[in-house]
């Protein structure tokens, strides 16, 4: 892990970012006491699972009743109790 002050970080910003992209961790120190205030590290992207289209097609529609209507009155009927 590399430690550097805010001034050094500002002066060498591009090279610090290159080091971070290579996997190095950088800690930023602040003030006369050189107190650690931030830490930079590389973001690791997660591989997303591939979705299978139509997996639940045989399970039927989400709403059982075809006459169901989502109205504001139905949706916000109990909101008066919360306020």
C-alpha atoms as a PDB file:
ATOM      1  CA  UNK A   1       0.000   0.000   0.000  1.00  0.00           C
ATOM      2  CA  UNK A   2       1.273   3.443  -0.965  1.00  0.00           C
ATOM      3  CA  UNK A   3       0.685   6.378   1.401  1.00  0.00           C
ATOM      4  CA  UNK A   4       0.814   9.972   0.159  1.00  0.00           C
ATOM      5  CA  UNK A   5      -0.298  13.413   1.260  1.00  0.00           C
ATOM      6  CA  UNK A   6      -3.068  15.340  -0.454  1.00  0.00           C
ATOM      7  CA  UNK A   7      -0.521  17.650  -2.108  1.00  0.00           C
ATOM      8  CA  UNK A   8       1.491  14.744  -3.531  1.00  0.00           C
ATOM      9  CA  UNK A   9      -1.722  13.104  -4.689  1.00  0.00           C
ATOM     10  CA  UNK A  10      -2.807  16.267  -6.526  1.00  0.00           C
ATOM     11  CA  UNK A  11       0.626  16.695  -8.103  1.00  0.00           C
ATOM     12  CA  UNK A  12       0.870  13.076  -9.328  1.00  0.00           C
ATOM     13  CA  UNK A  13      -2.802  12.324  -9.966  1.00  0.00           C
ATOM     14  CA  UNK A  14      -2.374  10.603 -13.359  1.00  0.00           C
ATOM     15  CA  UNK A  15       0.449   8.341 -12.247  1.00  0.00           C
ATOM     16  CA  UNK A  16      -1.445   7.442  -9.058  1.00  0.00           C
ATOM     17  CA  UNK A  17      -4.474   6.418 -11.119  1.00  0.00           C
ATOM     18  CA  UNK A  18      -2.271   4.217 -13.290  1.00  0.00           C
ATOM     19  CA  UNK A  19      -0.920   2.515 -10.174  1.00  0.00           C
ATOM     20  CA  UNK A  20      -4.447   1.994  -8.861  1.00  0.00           C
ATOM     21  CA  UNK A  21      -5.528   0.474 -12.192  1.00  0.00           C
ATOM     22  CA  UNK A  22      -2.639  -1.981 -11.887  1.00  0.00           C
ATOM     23  CA  UNK A  23      -4.002  -3.133  -8.523  1.00  0.00           C
ATOM     24  CA  UNK A  24      -1.982  -1.003  -6.087  1.00  0.00           C
ATOM     25  CA  UNK A  25      -3.827   0.457  -3.083  1.00  0.00           C
ATOM     26  CA  UNK A  26      -3.204   4.149  -2.292  1.00  0.00           C
ATOM     27  CA  UNK A  27      -3.952   5.783   1.056  1.00  0.00           C
ATOM     28  CA  UNK A  28      -4.397   9.583   1.146  1.00  0.00           C
ATOM     29  CA  UNK A  29      -3.060  11.401   4.244  1.00  0.00           C
ATOM     30  CA  UNK A  30      -4.301  14.821   5.388  1.00  0.00           C
ATOM     31  CA  UNK A  31      -2.951  17.587   7.598  1.00  0.00           C
ATOM     32  CA  UNK A  32       0.183  17.967   9.673  1.00  0.00           C
ATOM     33  CA  UNK A  33      -0.642  14.826  11.603  1.00  0.00           C
ATOM     34  CA  UNK A  34      -0.914  12.993   8.264  1.00  0.00           C
ATOM     35  CA  UNK A  35      -4.143  11.367   9.256  1.00  0.00           C
ATOM     36  CA  UNK A  36      -5.512   8.822   6.730  1.00  0.00           C
ATOM     37  CA  UNK A  37      -8.732  10.133   5.176  1.00  0.00           C
ATOM     38  CA  UNK A  38      -9.225   8.078   2.012  1.00  0.00           C
ATOM     39  CA  UNK A  39      -8.138   4.889   0.348  1.00  0.00           C
ATOM     40  CA  UNK A  40      -8.162   4.223  -3.402  1.00  0.00           C
ATOM     41  CA  UNK A  41      -8.302   0.738  -4.830  1.00  0.00           C
ATOM     42  CA  UNK A  42      -9.239  -0.907  -8.106  1.00  0.00           C
ATOM     43  CA  UNK A  43     -12.887  -1.725  -8.752  1.00  0.00           C
ATOM     44  CA  UNK A  44     -13.412  -5.392  -9.477  1.00  0.00           C
ATOM     45  CA  UNK A  45     -16.272  -5.923 -11.902  1.00  0.00           C
ATOM     46  CA  UNK A  46     -18.562  -8.839 -11.193  1.00  0.00           C
ATOM     47  CA  UNK A  47     -19.514 -11.157 -14.009  1.00  0.00           C
ATOM     48  CA  UNK A  48     -23.282 -11.244 -14.314  1.00  0.00           C
ATOM     49  CA  UNK A  49     -25.086 -14.521 -14.677  1.00  0.00           C
ATOM     50  CA  UNK A  50     -26.756 -15.042 -18.013  1.00  0.00           C
ATOM     51  CA  UNK A  51     -30.530 -14.884 -17.779  1.00  0.00           C
ATOM     52  CA  UNK A  52     -32.644 -17.538 -19.442  1.00  0.00           C
ATOM     53  CA  UNK A  53     -35.612 -15.906 -21.211  1.00  0.00           C
ATOM     54  CA  UNK A  54     -38.967 -17.585 -20.710  1.00  0.00           C
ATOM     55  CA  UNK A  55     -37.926 -19.564 -17.650  1.00  0.00           C
ATOM     56  CA  UNK A  56     -41.248 -18.977 -15.832  1.00  0.00           C
ATOM     57  CA  UNK A  57     -43.533 -18.771 -18.877  1.00  0.00           C
ATOM     58  CA  UNK A  58     -45.570 -21.846 -17.790  1.00  0.00           C
ATOM     59  CA  UNK A  59     -46.378 -20.475 -14.340  1.00  0.00           C
ATOM     60  CA  UNK A  60     -49.128 -18.135 -15.525  1.00  0.00           C
ATOM     61  CA  UNK A  61     -49.689 -14.387 -15.279  1.00  0.00           C
ATOM     62  CA  UNK A  62     -48.704 -12.342 -12.282  1.00  0.00           C
ATOM     63  CA  UNK A  63     -52.267 -11.149 -11.641  1.00  0.00           C
ATOM     64  CA  UNK A  64     -54.865 -13.881 -11.359  1.00  0.00           C
ATOM     65  CA  UNK A  65     -57.861 -11.621 -11.946  1.00  0.00           C
ATOM     66  CA  UNK A  66     -57.985 -10.103 -15.427  1.00  0.00           C
ATOM     67  CA  UNK A  67     -60.429  -7.400 -14.220  1.00  0.00           C
ATOM     68  CA  UNK A  68     -57.968  -6.063 -11.666  1.00  0.00           C
ATOM     69  CA  UNK A  69     -57.223  -2.365 -12.115  1.00  0.00           C
ATOM     70  CA  UNK A  70     -54.486  -0.587 -10.183  1.00  0.00           C
ATOM     71  CA  UNK A  71     -56.105   2.754  -9.346  1.00  0.00           C
ATOM     72  CA  UNK A  72     -54.703   5.607  -7.261  1.00  0.00           C
ATOM     73  CA  UNK A  73     -57.584   5.184  -4.795  1.00  0.00           C
ATOM     74  CA  UNK A  74     -56.690   1.549  -4.213  1.00  0.00           C
ATOM     75  CA  UNK A  75     -52.989   2.269  -4.077  1.00  0.00           C
ATOM     76  CA  UNK A  76     -53.152   5.234  -1.670  1.00  0.00           C
ATOM     77  CA  UNK A  77     -56.214   4.184   0.362  1.00  0.00           C
ATOM     78  CA  UNK A  78     -54.247   3.459   3.551  1.00  0.00           C
ATOM     79  CA  UNK A  79     -51.826   6.375   3.180  1.00  0.00           C
ATOM     80  CA  UNK A  80     -53.996   8.606   5.414  1.00  0.00           C
ATOM     81  CA  UNK A  81     -53.301   6.261   8.333  1.00  0.00           C
ATOM     82  CA  UNK A  82     -49.556   6.721   7.872  1.00  0.00           C
ATOM     83  CA  UNK A  83     -49.594  10.518   7.851  1.00  0.00           C
END
